[in-house]
PDB file of N, CA and C in Angstrom:
ATOM      1  N   MET A   1     100.523  36.213 133.615  1.00  0.00           N
ATOM      2  CA  MET A   1     100.835  35.370 132.471  1.00  0.00           C
ATOM      3  C   MET A   1     100.712  36.202 131.193  1.00  0.00           C
ATOM      4  N   VAL A   2     101.705  36.150 130.340  1.00  0.00           N
ATOM      5  CA  VAL A   2     101.713  36.850 129.074  1.00  0.00           C
ATOM      6  C   VAL A   2     101.196  35.908 128.006  1.00  0.00           C
ATOM      7  N   LYS A   3     100.192  36.385 127.260  1.00  0.00           N
ATOM      8  CA  LYS A   3      99.635  35.546 126.198  1.00  0.00           C
ATOM      9  C   LYS A   3     100.511  35.637 124.964  1.00  0.00           C
ATOM     10  N   ASP A   4     100.780  34.519 124.383  1.00  0.00           N
ATOM     11  CA  ASP A   4     101.608  34.452 123.193  1.00  0.00           C
ATOM     12  C   ASP A   4     100.702  34.480 121.975  1.00  0.00           C
ATOM     13  N   LYS A   5     100.724  35.581 121.236  1.00  0.00           N
ATOM     14  CA  LYS A   5      99.873  35.723 120.056  1.00  0.00           C
ATOM     15  C   LYS A   5     100.235  34.711 118.978  1.00  0.00           C
ATOM     16  N   SER A   6     101.475  34.281 118.947  1.00  0.00           N
ATOM     17  CA  SER A   6     101.887  33.327 117.921  1.00  0.00           C
ATOM     18  C   SER A   6     101.222  31.972 118.139  1.00  0.00           C
ATOM     19  N   LEU A   7     100.786  31.693 119.364  1.00  0.00           N
ATOM     20  CA  LEU A   7     100.107  30.435 119.637  1.00  0.00           C
ATOM     21  C   LEU A   7      98.601  30.542 119.417  1.00  0.00           C
ATOM     22  N   GLY A   8      98.129  31.750 119.136  1.00  0.00           N
ATOM     23  CA  GLY A   8      96.727  31.933 118.847  1.00  0.00           C
ATOM     24  C   GLY A   8      95.848  32.081 120.077  1.00  0.00           C
ATOM     25  N   GLU A   9      96.436  32.242 121.248  1.00  0.00           N
ATOM     26  CA  GLU A   9      95.642  32.338 122.471  1.00  0.00           C
ATOM     27  C   GLU A   9      94.764  33.593 122.480  1.00  0.00           C
ATOM     28  N   SER A  10      95.251  34.677 121.941  1.00  0.00           N
ATOM     29  CA  SER A  10      94.445  35.895 121.914  1.00  0.00           C
ATOM     30  C   SER A  10      94.110  36.300 120.476  1.00  0.00           C
ATOM     31  N   ALA A  11      94.352  35.404 119.556  1.00  0.00           N
ATOM     32  CA  ALA A  11      94.131  35.723 118.149  1.00  0.00           C
ATOM     33  C   ALA A  11      92.649  35.927 117.848  1.00  0.00           C
ATOM     34  N   ASP A  12      91.778  35.154 118.510  1.00  0.00           N
ATOM     35  CA  ASP A  12      90.341  35.280 118.242  1.00  0.00           C
ATOM     36  C   ASP A  12      89.852  36.677 118.590  1.00  0.00           C
ATOM     37  N   GLY A  13      90.285  37.208 119.717  1.00  0.00           N
ATOM     38  CA  GLY A  13      89.903  38.562 120.090  1.00  0.00           C
ATOM     39  C   GLY A  13      90.427  39.570 119.097  1.00  0.00           C
ATOM     40  N   GLY A  14      91.649  39.382 118.643  1.00  0.00           N
ATOM     41  CA  GLY A  14      92.233  40.275 117.654  1.00  0.00           C
ATOM     42  C   GLY A  14      91.518  40.200 116.327  1.00  0.00           C
ATOM     43  N   ILE A  15      91.159  38.995 115.932  1.00  0.00           N
ATOM     44  CA  ILE A  15      90.451  38.810 114.667  1.00  0.00           C
ATOM     45  C   ILE A  15      89.062  39.440 114.747  1.00  0.00           C
ATOM     46  N   ASP A  16      88.383  39.234 115.872  1.00  0.00           N
ATOM     47  CA  ASP A  16      87.061  39.846 116.051  1.00  0.00           C
ATOM     48  C   ASP A  16      87.167  41.361 116.014  1.00  0.00           C
ATOM     49  N   TRP A  17      88.181  41.899 116.657  1.00  0.00           N
ATOM     50  CA  TRP A  17      88.377  43.347 116.660  1.00  0.00           C
ATOM     51  C   TRP A  17      88.638  43.852 115.245  1.00  0.00           C
ATOM     52  N   LEU A  18      89.496  43.146 114.513  1.00  0.00           N
ATOM     53  CA  LEU A  18      89.787  43.535 113.135  1.00  0.00           C
ATOM     54  C   LEU A  18      88.557  43.439 112.251  1.00  0.00           C
ATOM     55  N   ARG A  19      87.777  42.399 112.435  1.00  0.00           N
ATOM     56  CA  ARG A  19      86.552  42.227 111.650  1.00  0.00           C
ATOM     57  C   ARG A  19      85.586  43.380 111.944  1.00  0.00           C
ATOM     58  N   GLY A  20      85.434  43.712 113.212  1.00  0.00           N
ATOM     59  CA  GLY A  20      84.565  44.830 113.589  1.00  0.00           C
ATOM     60  C   GLY A  20      85.075  46.141 113.025  1.00  0.00           C
ATOM     61  N   ARG A  21      86.368  46.338 113.108  1.00  0.00           N
ATOM     62  CA  ARG A  21      86.973  47.566 112.574  1.00  0.00           C
ATOM     63  C   ARG A  21      86.759  47.659 111.070  1.00  0.00           C
ATOM     64  N   PHE A  22      86.930  46.533 110.377  1.00  0.00           N
ATOM     65  CA  PHE A  22      86.730  46.495 108.929  1.00  0.00           C
ATOM     66  C   PHE A  22      85.290  46.859 108.574  1.00  0.00           C
ATOM     67  N   ILE A  23      84.337  46.283 109.293  1.00  0.00           N
ATOM     68  CA  ILE A  23      82.924  46.568 109.034  1.00  0.00           C
ATOM     69  C   ILE A  23      82.627  48.041 109.286  1.00  0.00           C
ATOM     70  N   ASN A  24      83.152  48.588 110.374  1.00  0.00           N
ATOM     71  CA  ASN A  24      82.944  50.008 110.665  1.00  0.00           C
ATOM     72  C   ASN A  24      83.524  50.894 109.569  1.00  0.00           C
ATOM     73  N   LEU A  25      84.725  50.585 109.136  1.00  0.00           N
ATOM     74  CA  LEU A  25      85.364  51.375 108.082  1.00  0.00           C
ATOM     75  C   LEU A  25      84.605  51.253 106.764  1.00  0.00           C
ATOM     76  N   LYS A  26      84.121  50.065 106.479  1.00  0.00           N
ATOM     77  CA  LYS A  26      83.353  49.846 105.253  1.00  0.00           C
ATOM     78  C   LYS A  26      82.056  50.661 105.282  1.00  0.00           C
ATOM     79  N   ASN A  27      81.379  50.680 106.419  1.00  0.00           N
ATOM     80  CA  ASN A  27      80.146  51.461 106.555  1.00  0.00           C
ATOM     81  C   ASN A  27      80.430  52.957 106.454  1.00  0.00           C
ATOM     82  N   GLU A  28      81.503  53.397 107.080  1.00  0.00           N
ATOM     83  CA  GLU A  28      81.873  54.814 107.013  1.00  0.00           C
ATOM     84  C   GLU A  28      82.213  55.207 105.580  1.00  0.00           C
ATOM     85  N   ASN A  29      82.899  54.333 104.863  1.00  0.00           N
ATOM     86  CA  ASN A  29      83.234  54.589 103.462  1.00  0.00           C
ATOM     87  C   ASN A  29      81.963  54.720 102.624  1.00  0.00           C
ATOM     88  N   LYS A  30      80.986  53.864 102.890  1.00  0.00           N
ATOM     89  CA  LYS A  30      79.715  53.930 102.161  1.00  0.00           C
ATOM     90  C   LYS A  30      79.029  55.272 102.422  1.00  0.00           C
ATOM     91  N   LYS A  31      79.004  55.702 103.681  1.00  0.00           N
ATOM     92  CA  LYS A  31      78.387  56.981 104.030  1.00  0.00           C
ATOM     93  C   LYS A  31      79.110  58.140 103.346  1.00  0.00           C
ATOM     94  N   LEU A  32      80.430  58.091 103.321  1.00  0.00           N
ATOM     95  CA  LEU A  32      81.208  59.151 102.674  1.00  0.00           C
ATOM     96  C   LEU A  32      80.950  59.201 101.168  1.00  0.00           C
ATOM     97  N   LYS A  33      80.840  58.033 100.543  1.00  0.00           N
ATOM     98  CA  LYS A  33      80.543  57.996  99.105  1.00  0.00           C
ATOM     99  C   LYS A  33      79.167  58.577  98.823  1.00  0.00           C
ATOM    100  N   GLU A  34      78.185  58.261  99.679  1.00  0.00           N
ATOM    101  CA  GLU A  34      76.843  58.811  99.505  1.00  0.00           C
ATOM    102  C   GLU A  34      76.856  60.325  99.682  1.00  0.00           C
ATOM    103  N   ARG A  35      77.600  60.801 100.675  1.00  0.00           N
ATOM    104  CA  ARG A  35      77.690  62.246 100.916  1.00  0.00           C
ATOM    105  C   ARG A  35      78.362  62.949  99.737  1.00  0.00           C
ATOM    106  N   LYS A  36      79.419  62.332  99.211  1.00  0.00           N
ATOM    107  CA  LYS A  36      80.117  62.897  98.056  1.00  0.00           C
ATOM    108  C   LYS A  36      79.182  62.987  96.859  1.00  0.00           C
ATOM    109  N   SER A  37      78.384  61.956  96.645  1.00  0.00           N
ATOM    110  CA  SER A  37      77.432  61.954  95.545  1.00  0.00           C
ATOM    111  C   SER A  37      76.410  63.071  95.723  1.00  0.00           C
ATOM    112  N   ALA A  38      75.920  63.257  96.936  1.00  0.00           N
ATOM    113  CA  ALA A  38      74.953  64.322  97.209  1.00  0.00           C
ATOM    114  C   ALA A  38      75.577  65.691  96.966  1.00  0.00           C
ATOM    115  N   ILE A  39      76.806  65.874  97.389  1.00  0.00           N
ATOM    116  CA  ILE A  39      77.504  67.144  97.185  1.00  0.00           C
ATOM    117  C   ILE A  39      77.715  67.401  95.698  1.00  0.00           C
ATOM    118  N   ASN A  40      78.088  66.361  94.956  1.00  0.00           N
ATOM    119  CA  ASN A  40      78.279  66.514  93.508  1.00  0.00           C
ATOM    120  C   ASN A  40      76.989  66.933  92.814  1.00  0.00           C
ATOM    121  N   LEU A  41      75.864  66.336  93.218  1.00  0.00           N
ATOM    122  CA  LEU A  41      74.578  66.709  92.641  1.00  0.00           C
ATOM    123  C   LEU A  41      74.241  68.162  92.972  1.00  0.00           C
ATOM    124  N   GLU A  42      74.488  68.544  94.204  1.00  0.00           N
ATOM    125  CA  GLU A  42      74.235  69.918  94.621  1.00  0.00           C
ATOM    126  C   GLU A  42      75.092  70.902  93.823  1.00  0.00           C
ATOM    127  N   MET A  43      76.348  70.546  93.609  1.00  0.00           N
ATOM    128  CA  MET A  43      77.242  71.411  92.832  1.00  0.00           C
ATOM    129  C   MET A  43      76.749  71.549  91.395  1.00  0.00           C
ATOM    130  N   GLU A  44      76.274  70.467  90.810  1.00  0.00           N
ATOM    131  CA  GLU A  44      75.746  70.522  89.443  1.00  0.00           C
ATOM    132  C   GLU A  44      74.544  71.452  89.376  1.00  0.00           C
ATOM    133  N   GLU A  45      73.669  71.394  90.379  1.00  0.00           N
ATOM    134  CA  GLU A  45      72.497  72.265  90.413  1.00  0.00           C
ATOM    135  C   GLU A  45      72.921  73.731  90.527  1.00  0.00           C
ATOM    136  N   VAL A  46      73.889  73.995  91.373  1.00  0.00           N
ATOM    137  CA  VAL A  46      74.366  75.370  91.545  1.00  0.00           C
ATOM    138  C   VAL A  46      74.974  75.880  90.251  1.00  0.00           C
ATOM    139  N   ARG A  47      75.769  75.058  89.593  1.00  0.00           N
ATOM    140  CA  ARG A  47      76.373  75.465  88.320  1.00  0.00           C
ATOM    141  C   ARG A  47      75.307  75.756  87.269  1.00  0.00           C
ATOM    142  N   ALA A  48      74.282  74.905  87.215  1.00  0.00           N
ATOM    143  CA  ALA A  48      73.203  75.109  86.242  1.00  0.00           C
ATOM    144  C   ALA A  48      72.462  76.418  86.544  1.00  0.00           C
ATOM    145  N   ASN A  49      72.209  76.677  87.818  1.00  0.00           N
ATOM    146  CA  ASN A  49      71.536  77.924  88.201  1.00  0.00           C
ATOM    147  C   ASN A  49      72.395  79.144  87.867  1.00  0.00           C
ATOM    148  N   GLU A  50      73.687  79.041  88.126  1.00  0.00           N
ATOM    149  CA  GLU A  50      74.593  80.150  87.808  1.00  0.00           C
ATOM    150  C   GLU A  50      74.644  80.396  86.299  1.00  0.00           C
ATOM    151  N   LYS A  51      74.676  79.329  85.533  1.00  0.00           N
ATOM    152  CA  LYS A  51      74.711  79.460  84.077  1.00  0.00           C
ATOM    153  C   LYS A  51      73.424  80.114  83.579  1.00  0.00           C
ATOM    154  N   GLN A  52      72.293  79.709  84.152  1.00  0.00           N
ATOM    155  CA  GLN A  52      71.012  80.281  83.763  1.00  0.00           C
ATOM    156  C   GLN A  52      70.949  81.764  84.136  1.00  0.00           C
ATOM    157  N   THR A  53      71.414  82.098  85.317  1.00  0.00           N
ATOM    158  CA  THR A  53      71.428  83.502  85.753  1.00  0.00           C
ATOM    159  C   THR A  53      72.328  84.337  84.853  1.00  0.00           C
ATOM    160  N   LEU A  54      73.495  83.821  84.532  1.00  0.00           N
ATOM    161  CA  LEU A  54      74.405  84.539  83.645  1.00  0.00           C
ATOM    162  C   LEU A  54      73.776  84.759  82.280  1.00  0.00           C
ATOM    163  N   SER A  55      73.089  83.751  81.783  1.00  0.00           N
ATOM    164  CA  SER A  55      72.425  83.870  80.491  1.00  0.00           C
ATOM    165  C   SER A  55      71.338  84.950  80.544  1.00  0.00           C
ATOM    166  N   LYS A  56      70.546  84.970  81.609  1.00  0.00           N
ATOM    167  CA  LYS A  56      69.508  85.989  81.761  1.00  0.00           C
ATOM    168  C   LYS A  56      70.119  87.385  81.824  1.00  0.00           C
ATOM    169  N   LEU A  57      71.189  87.523  82.587  1.00  0.00           N
ATOM    170  CA  LEU A  57      71.845  88.839  82.703  1.00  0.00           C
ATOM    171  C   LEU A  57      72.453  89.282  81.373  1.00  0.00           C
ATOM    172  N   THR A  58      73.000  88.348  80.641  1.00  0.00           N
ATOM    173  CA  THR A  58      73.581  88.661  79.340  1.00  0.00           C
ATOM    174  C   THR A  58      72.489  89.115  78.380  1.00  0.00           C
ATOM    175  N   ASN A  59      71.367  88.409  78.403  1.00  0.00           N
ATOM    176  CA  ASN A  59      70.249  88.802  77.541  1.00  0.00           C
ATOM    177  C   ASN A  59      69.719  90.170  77.922  1.00  0.00           C
ATOM    178  N   THR A  60      69.614  90.440  79.208  1.00  0.00           N
ATOM    179  CA  THR A  60      69.167  91.743  79.679  1.00  0.00           C
ATOM    180  C   THR A  60      70.133  92.847  79.230  1.00  0.00           C
ATOM    181  N   LEU A  61      71.408  92.561  79.306  1.00  0.00           N
ATOM    182  CA  LEU A  61      72.427  93.525  78.885  1.00  0.00           C
ATOM    183  C   LEU A  61      72.306  93.817  77.387  1.00  0.00           C
ATOM    184  N   TYR A  62      72.104  92.778  76.583  1.00  0.00           N
ATOM    185  CA  TYR A  62      71.967  92.965  75.136  1.00  0.00           C
ATOM    186  C   TYR A  62      70.707  93.748  74.787  1.00  0.00           C
ATOM    187  N   GLU A  63      69.644  93.538  75.563  1.00  0.00           N
ATOM    188  CA  GLU A  63      68.387  94.244  75.296  1.00  0.00           C
ATOM    189  C   GLU A  63      68.536  95.749  75.559  1.00  0.00           C
ATOM    190  N   ARG A  64      69.389  96.125  76.479  1.00  0.00           N
ATOM    191  CA  ARG A  64      69.561  97.528  76.817  1.00  0.00           C
ATOM    192  C   ARG A  64      70.586  98.092  75.897  1.00  0.00           C
TER     193      ARG A  64
END
């Protein structure tokens, strides 16, 4: 027997699957946003360290 989706016979399973998929995608999106934020913070720290190192080297160069 072929189930007719237009009659809603298997729609509940499809809706449950879609709801589960949506929740999974939403959770994955949240994790990705958190990871992106962590990477951005790390990049800012690296840039600040590089700027500080460059400043120290420039000062050392001027002193010599």
